[in-house]
Amino acid sequence: MTNVIDNKEEQRFELEVDGHTAFAAYDKDGDIVVFTHTVAPTELRGQGVGSRLVEGALSQVRAAGGRVRPLCTFVAGYIAQHPQWGDLRA
């Protein structure tokens, strides 16, 4: 199982795979998590790491009772393709 962590100090959700870290950066606006950009190292691309990262991040936002504003096109696209997360949009 993958373990997405919320690195609050860096304001990003992180997922480490094979010694490489993918992350989804965010800003906070009250209880709204504003996703600004997502980065997956070249070594991890094409393996579904970005999707696992975003799913883990959204799960944590939901568990905390928050909402999301996806300025990042990857996060916005993920939510559009997975309607079960649509209720989190602020």
C-alpha atoms as a PDB file:
ATOM      1  CA  MET A   1       0.000   0.000   0.000  1.00  0.00           C
ATOM      2  CA  THR A   2       1.217   3.502  -0.794  1.00  0.00           C
ATOM      3  CA  ASN A   3       1.622   6.001   1.973  1.00  0.00           C
ATOM      4  CA  VAL A   4       0.895   9.604   1.050  1.00  0.00           C
ATOM      5  CA  ILE A   5       2.083  12.004   3.725  1.00  0.00           C
ATOM      6  CA  ASP A   6       1.049  15.594   4.317  1.00  0.00           C
ATOM      7  CA  ASN A   7       4.291  17.512   4.711  1.00  0.00           C
ATOM      8  CA  LYS A   8       2.700  20.563   6.320  1.00  0.00           C
ATOM      9  CA  GLU A   9       6.023  22.381   6.671  1.00  0.00           C
ATOM     10  CA  GLU A  10       6.590  22.236   2.896  1.00  0.00           C
ATOM     11  CA  GLN A  11       2.843  22.556   2.150  1.00  0.00           C
ATOM     12  CA  ARG A  12       2.707  19.506  -0.048  1.00  0.00           C
ATOM     13  CA  PHE A  13       1.433  15.955  -0.083  1.00  0.00           C
ATOM     14  CA  GLU A  14       4.247  13.517  -0.854  1.00  0.00           C
ATOM     15  CA  LEU A  15       4.521   9.964  -2.106  1.00  0.00           C
ATOM     16  CA  GLU A  16       7.916   8.260  -2.133  1.00  0.00           C
ATOM     17  CA  VAL A  17       8.441   5.414  -4.589  1.00  0.00           C
ATOM     18  CA  ASP A  18      11.777   3.698  -5.246  1.00  0.00           C
ATOM     19  CA  GLY A  19      13.727   6.531  -3.601  1.00  0.00           C
ATOM     20  CA  HIS A  20      11.987   9.266  -5.630  1.00  0.00           C
ATOM     21  CA  THR A  21       9.369  11.670  -4.304  1.00  0.00           C
ATOM     22  CA  ALA A  22       6.298  12.855  -6.181  1.00  0.00           C
ATOM     23  CA  PHE A  23       4.375  15.719  -4.631  1.00  0.00           C
ATOM     24  CA  ALA A  24       1.261  17.839  -4.892  1.00  0.00           C
ATOM     25  CA  ALA A  25       1.913  21.357  -3.622  1.00  0.00           C
ATOM     26  CA  TYR A  26      -0.842  23.344  -1.978  1.00  0.00           C
ATOM     27  CA  ASP A  27      -1.775  26.550  -0.200  1.00  0.00           C
ATOM     28  CA  LYS A  28      -4.392  26.717   2.525  1.00  0.00           C
ATOM     29  CA  ASP A  29      -7.382  29.071   2.508  1.00  0.00           C
ATOM     30  CA  GLY A  30      -9.152  28.243   5.766  1.00  0.00           C
ATOM     31  CA  ASP A  31     -10.346  24.654   5.402  1.00  0.00           C
ATOM     32  CA  ILE A  32      -9.815  24.759   1.630  1.00  0.00           C
ATOM     33  CA  VAL A  33      -6.718  23.067   0.211  1.00  0.00           C
ATOM     34  CA  VAL A  34      -5.718  24.932  -2.951  1.00  0.00           C
ATOM     35  CA  PHE A  35      -3.677  22.534  -5.100  1.00  0.00           C
ATOM     36  CA  THR A  36      -1.193  24.601  -7.102  1.00  0.00           C
ATOM     37  CA  HIS A  37       0.928  22.026  -8.933  1.00  0.00           C
ATOM     38  CA  THR A  38       1.877  18.370  -9.006  1.00  0.00           C
ATOM     39  CA  VAL A  39       5.350  17.017  -9.751  1.00  0.00           C
ATOM     40  CA  ALA A  40       6.379  13.452 -10.534  1.00  0.00           C
ATOM     41  CA  PRO A  41      10.068  12.795 -11.160  1.00  0.00           C
ATOM     42  CA  THR A  42      10.860  11.475 -14.628  1.00  0.00           C
ATOM     43  CA  GLU A  43      11.702   8.071 -13.131  1.00  0.00           C
ATOM     44  CA  LEU A  44       8.137   7.690 -11.826  1.00  0.00           C
ATOM     45  CA  ARG A  45       6.136   8.913 -14.803  1.00  0.00           C
ATOM     46  CA  GLY A  46       3.771   6.524 -16.533  1.00  0.00           C
ATOM     47  CA  GLN A  47       3.389   4.299 -13.467  1.00  0.00           C
ATOM     48  CA  GLY A  48       0.213   5.782 -11.981  1.00  0.00           C
ATOM     49  CA  VAL A  49       2.147   7.465  -9.176  1.00  0.00           C
ATOM     50  CA  GLY A  50       0.472  10.831  -9.747  1.00  0.00           C
ATOM     51  CA  SER A  51      -2.977   9.276  -9.509  1.00  0.00           C
ATOM     52  CA  ARG A  52      -2.088   7.419  -6.305  1.00  0.00           C
ATOM     53  CA  LEU A  53      -0.658  10.631  -4.875  1.00  0.00           C
ATOM     54  CA  VAL A  54      -3.771  12.663  -5.647  1.00  0.00           C
ATOM     55  CA  GLU A  55      -6.117   9.949  -4.389  1.00  0.00           C
ATOM     56  CA  GLY A  56      -4.187   9.784  -1.115  1.00  0.00           C
ATOM     57  CA  ALA A  57      -4.188  13.566  -0.775  1.00  0.00           C
ATOM     58  CA  LEU A  58      -7.920  13.828  -1.470  1.00  0.00           C
ATOM     59  CA  SER A  59      -8.615  11.052   1.040  1.00  0.00           C
ATOM     60  CA  GLN A  60      -6.776  13.023   3.719  1.00  0.00           C
ATOM     61  CA  VAL A  61      -8.596  16.254   2.858  1.00  0.00           C
ATOM     62  CA  ARG A  62     -11.935  14.436   3.057  1.00  0.00           C
ATOM     63  CA  ALA A  63     -11.024  12.795   6.386  1.00  0.00           C
ATOM     64  CA  ALA A  64     -10.156  16.222   7.806  1.00  0.00           C
ATOM     65  CA  GLY A  65     -13.498  17.662   6.656  1.00  0.00           C
ATOM     66  CA  GLY A  66     -11.827  20.003   4.166  1.00  0.00           C
ATOM     67  CA  ARG A  67     -12.544  21.041   0.611  1.00  0.00           C
ATOM     68  CA  VAL A  68     -10.290  21.494  -2.417  1.00  0.00           C
ATOM     69  CA  ARG A  69      -9.714  24.109  -5.078  1.00  0.00           C
ATOM     70  CA  PRO A  70      -7.719  22.414  -7.851  1.00  0.00           C
ATOM     71  CA  LEU A  71      -5.740  25.112  -9.668  1.00  0.00           C
ATOM     72  CA  CYS A  72      -3.385  22.351 -10.771  1.00  0.00           C
ATOM     73  CA  THR A  73      -4.596  20.852 -14.059  1.00  0.00           C
ATOM     74  CA  PHE A  74      -3.535  17.337 -13.021  1.00  0.00           C
ATOM     75  CA  VAL A  75      -5.622  17.438  -9.823  1.00  0.00           C
ATOM     76  CA  ALA A  76      -8.558  19.053 -11.655  1.00  0.00           C
ATOM     77  CA  GLY A  77      -8.387  16.350 -14.345  1.00  0.00           C
ATOM     78  CA  TYR A  78      -8.208  13.597 -11.757  1.00  0.00           C
ATOM     79  CA  ILE A  79     -11.332  14.892 -10.013  1.00  0.00           C
ATOM     80  CA  ALA A  80     -13.137  15.233 -13.358  1.00  0.00           C
ATOM     81  CA  GLN A  81     -12.330  11.601 -14.208  1.00  0.00           C
ATOM     82  CA  HIS A  82     -13.257  10.312 -10.735  1.00  0.00           C
ATOM     83  CA  PRO A  83     -16.645  11.797  -9.809  1.00  0.00           C
ATOM     84  CA  GLN A  84     -16.537  10.289  -6.308  1.00  0.00           C
ATOM     85  CA  TRP A  85     -14.235  13.209  -5.397  1.00  0.00           C
ATOM     86  CA  GLY A  86     -16.386  15.944  -6.948  1.00  0.00           C
ATOM     87  CA  ASP A  87     -18.086  16.791  -3.667  1.00  0.00           C
ATOM     88  CA  LEU A  88     -14.748  18.070  -2.318  1.00  0.00           C
ATOM     89  CA  ARG A  89     -14.586  20.963  -4.808  1.00  0.00           C
ATOM     90  CA  ALA A  90     -14.928  24.332  -3.121  1.00  0.00           C
END
